[in-house]
Amino acid sequence: MHISIFRTIYKNVIDNQRIELLLQRHNISFEKTLYDKGSRYKIASDNEDSINIFKKHLNMIYPQIAL
């Protein structure tokens, strides 16, 4: 099991549903926690390749998110 955590900030990411659809498209399970300034995602996958592909696609959409 591979686990990765990242945070979004509301001023940088307006559409969290887009991120969640991308996670679901890559069959990655996740837990989302809401904070005042943004969201925190804990993502888990059986293989590291799917997380790396997700990170690549997310970085193309939102380059300001540090992964």
N, C-alpha and C. Protein backbone atom coordinates (compact mmCIF):
# COMPACT_ATOMS: atom_id res chain seq x y z
N MET A 1 0.85 -1.18 0.00
CA MET A 1 0.00 0.00 0.00
C MET A 1 0.89 1.24 0.00
N HIS A 2 0.62 2.16 -0.90
CA HIS A 2 1.36 3.41 -1.00
C HIS A 2 0.43 4.55 -0.60
N ILE A 3 0.92 5.41 0.29
CA ILE A 3 0.10 6.52 0.80
C ILE A 3 0.83 7.83 0.53
N SER A 4 0.07 8.81 0.10
CA SER A 4 0.61 10.14 -0.16
C SER A 4 -0.38 11.15 0.41
N ILE A 5 0.13 12.28 0.89
CA ILE A 5 -0.72 13.33 1.46
C ILE A 5 -0.40 14.64 0.78
N PHE A 6 -1.43 15.38 0.40
CA PHE A 6 -1.21 16.72 -0.12
C PHE A 6 -2.35 17.63 0.33
N ARG A 7 -2.09 18.91 0.29
CA ARG A 7 -3.07 19.91 0.71
C ARG A 7 -3.36 20.87 -0.43
N THR A 8 -4.59 21.34 -0.48
CA THR A 8 -4.96 22.37 -1.43
C THR A 8 -5.30 23.63 -0.65
N ILE A 9 -5.12 24.76 -1.29
CA ILE A 9 -5.47 26.05 -0.69
C ILE A 9 -6.59 26.64 -1.53
N TYR A 10 -7.62 27.18 -0.87
CA TYR A 10 -8.80 27.65 -1.60
C TYR A 10 -8.47 28.70 -2.65
N LYS A 11 -7.52 29.58 -2.38
CA LYS A 11 -7.22 30.62 -3.36
C LYS A 11 -6.55 30.05 -4.61
N ASN A 12 -5.94 28.87 -4.50
CA ASN A 12 -5.29 28.24 -5.65
C ASN A 12 -6.19 27.22 -6.35
N VAL A 13 -7.03 26.54 -5.60
CA VAL A 13 -7.87 25.48 -6.16
C VAL A 13 -9.33 25.81 -5.88
N ILE A 14 -10.04 26.11 -6.95
CA ILE A 14 -11.45 26.48 -6.81
C ILE A 14 -12.34 25.24 -6.90
N ASP A 15 -11.96 24.28 -7.73
CA ASP A 15 -12.81 23.14 -8.03
C ASP A 15 -12.20 21.85 -7.47
N ASN A 16 -12.54 21.51 -6.23
CA ASN A 16 -12.04 20.27 -5.63
C ASN A 16 -12.64 19.04 -6.28
N GLN A 17 -13.83 19.18 -6.89
CA GLN A 17 -14.46 18.03 -7.55
C GLN A 17 -13.61 17.54 -8.71
N ARG A 18 -12.90 18.43 -9.36
CA ARG A 18 -12.02 18.04 -10.47
C ARG A 18 -10.90 17.12 -9.97
N ILE A 19 -10.35 17.46 -8.81
CA ILE A 19 -9.30 16.61 -8.21
C ILE A 19 -9.88 15.26 -7.83
N GLU A 20 -11.07 15.25 -7.25
CA GLU A 20 -11.69 14.00 -6.81
C GLU A 20 -12.06 13.12 -8.00
N LEU A 21 -12.50 13.72 -9.10
CA LEU A 21 -12.79 12.94 -10.31
C LEU A 21 -11.51 12.33 -10.87
N LEU A 22 -10.43 13.07 -10.81
CA LEU A 22 -9.14 12.55 -11.27
C LEU A 22 -8.69 11.37 -10.41
N LEU A 23 -8.89 11.47 -9.11
CA LEU A 23 -8.56 10.35 -8.21
C LEU A 23 -9.41 9.13 -8.54
N GLN A 24 -10.70 9.34 -8.73
CA GLN A 24 -11.60 8.23 -9.03
C GLN A 24 -11.28 7.62 -10.39
N ARG A 25 -10.89 8.43 -11.35
CA ARG A 25 -10.55 7.94 -12.69
C ARG A 25 -9.35 6.99 -12.64
N HIS A 26 -8.44 7.22 -11.70
CA HIS A 26 -7.26 6.37 -11.56
C HIS A 26 -7.45 5.29 -10.50
N ASN A 27 -8.69 5.09 -10.04
CA ASN A 27 -9.03 4.07 -9.05
C ASN A 27 -8.19 4.19 -7.79
N ILE A 28 -8.05 5.41 -7.29
CA ILE A 28 -7.29 5.68 -6.09
C ILE A 28 -8.27 6.06 -4.98
N SER A 29 -8.18 5.35 -3.86
CA SER A 29 -9.04 5.69 -2.72
C SER A 29 -8.43 6.87 -1.98
N PHE A 30 -9.29 7.69 -1.39
CA PHE A 30 -8.80 8.87 -0.71
C PHE A 30 -9.71 9.25 0.44
N GLU A 31 -9.13 10.00 1.37
CA GLU A 31 -9.88 10.61 2.47
C GLU A 31 -9.67 12.10 2.37
N LYS A 32 -10.74 12.85 2.50
CA LYS A 32 -10.65 14.31 2.38
C LYS A 32 -11.03 14.93 3.72
N THR A 33 -10.23 15.88 4.16
CA THR A 33 -10.51 16.63 5.38
C THR A 33 -10.55 18.10 5.02
N LEU A 34 -11.59 18.79 5.44
CA LEU A 34 -11.74 20.21 5.13
C LEU A 34 -11.16 21.07 6.25
N TYR A 35 -10.46 22.11 5.85
CA TYR A 35 -9.92 23.10 6.78
C TYR A 35 -10.40 24.48 6.34
N ASP A 36 -10.15 25.49 7.15
CA ASP A 36 -10.55 26.85 6.81
C ASP A 36 -9.88 27.35 5.53
N LYS A 37 -8.63 26.98 5.33
CA LYS A 37 -7.88 27.49 4.19
C LYS A 37 -7.91 26.55 2.98
N GLY A 38 -8.38 25.34 3.14
CA GLY A 38 -8.37 24.42 2.01
C GLY A 38 -8.72 23.01 2.43
N SER A 39 -8.26 22.04 1.66
CA SER A 39 -8.55 20.64 1.91
C SER A 39 -7.26 19.85 2.05
N ARG A 40 -7.35 18.75 2.76
CA ARG A 40 -6.22 17.85 2.91
C ARG A 40 -6.67 16.50 2.37
N TYR A 41 -5.89 15.94 1.46
CA TYR A 41 -6.21 14.65 0.87
C TYR A 41 -5.18 13.62 1.31
N LYS A 42 -5.67 12.50 1.79
CA LYS A 42 -4.80 11.36 2.05
C LYS A 42 -5.20 10.31 1.02
N ILE A 43 -4.29 10.02 0.11
CA ILE A 43 -4.60 9.10 -0.96
C ILE A 43 -3.83 7.81 -0.76
N ALA A 44 -4.46 6.70 -1.13
CA ALA A 44 -3.83 5.39 -0.97
C ALA A 44 -4.10 4.56 -2.21
N SER A 45 -3.10 3.81 -2.62
CA SER A 45 -3.24 2.97 -3.81
C SER A 45 -2.42 1.70 -3.62
N ASP A 46 -2.82 0.65 -4.33
CA ASP A 46 -2.10 -0.61 -4.24
C ASP A 46 -0.76 -0.56 -4.97
N ASN A 47 -0.66 0.28 -5.99
CA ASN A 47 0.62 0.37 -6.68
C ASN A 47 1.05 1.83 -6.79
N GLU A 48 2.32 2.03 -6.78
CA GLU A 48 2.88 3.38 -6.79
C GLU A 48 2.72 4.05 -8.15
N ASP A 49 2.62 3.26 -9.21
CA ASP A 49 2.50 3.82 -10.56
C ASP A 49 1.24 4.65 -10.71
N SER A 50 0.12 4.20 -10.15
CA SER A 50 -1.12 4.96 -10.29
C SER A 50 -1.04 6.30 -9.55
N ILE A 51 -0.36 6.33 -8.41
CA ILE A 51 -0.18 7.59 -7.70
C ILE A 51 0.73 8.52 -8.49
N ASN A 52 1.78 7.99 -9.09
CA ASN A 52 2.69 8.82 -9.89
C ASN A 52 1.99 9.39 -11.12
N ILE A 53 1.14 8.60 -11.77
CA ILE A 53 0.38 9.10 -12.92
C ILE A 53 -0.59 10.18 -12.48
N PHE A 54 -1.26 9.95 -11.33
CA PHE A 54 -2.17 10.96 -10.79
C PHE A 54 -1.43 12.27 -10.50
N LYS A 55 -0.27 12.17 -9.87
CA LYS A 55 0.51 13.37 -9.55
C LYS A 55 0.92 14.12 -10.81
N LYS A 56 1.26 13.38 -11.85
CA LYS A 56 1.64 14.02 -13.11
C LYS A 56 0.46 14.78 -13.71
N HIS A 57 -0.72 14.17 -13.73
CA HIS A 57 -1.90 14.83 -14.27
C HIS A 57 -2.32 16.01 -13.41
N LEU A 58 -2.24 15.85 -12.08
CA LEU A 58 -2.61 16.95 -11.18
C LEU A 58 -1.66 18.12 -11.34
N ASN A 59 -0.38 17.83 -11.53
CA ASN A 59 0.60 18.89 -11.70
C ASN A 59 0.38 19.67 -13.00
N MET A 60 -0.15 19.01 -14.02
CA MET A 60 -0.48 19.71 -15.27
C MET A 60 -1.66 20.66 -15.07
N ILE A 61 -2.63 20.24 -14.25
CA ILE A 61 -3.82 21.06 -14.02
C ILE A 61 -3.54 22.16 -13.00
N TYR A 62 -2.90 21.80 -11.88
CA TYR A 62 -2.62 22.73 -10.79
C TYR A 62 -1.13 22.69 -10.44
N PRO A 63 -0.29 23.41 -11.16
CA PRO A 63 1.16 23.37 -10.86
C PRO A 63 1.52 23.96 -9.50
N GLN A 64 0.62 24.72 -8.88
CA GLN A 64 0.93 25.34 -7.61
C GLN A 64 0.77 24.39 -6.41
N ILE A 65 0.22 23.20 -6.63
CA ILE A 65 0.07 22.22 -5.56
C ILE A 65 1.38 21.44 -5.43
N ALA A 66 1.95 21.46 -4.25
CA ALA A 66 3.18 20.70 -4.00
C ALA A 66 2.82 19.27 -3.62
N LEU A 67 3.41 18.32 -4.34
CA LEU A 67 3.15 16.90 -4.05
C LEU A 67 4.40 16.23 -3.57
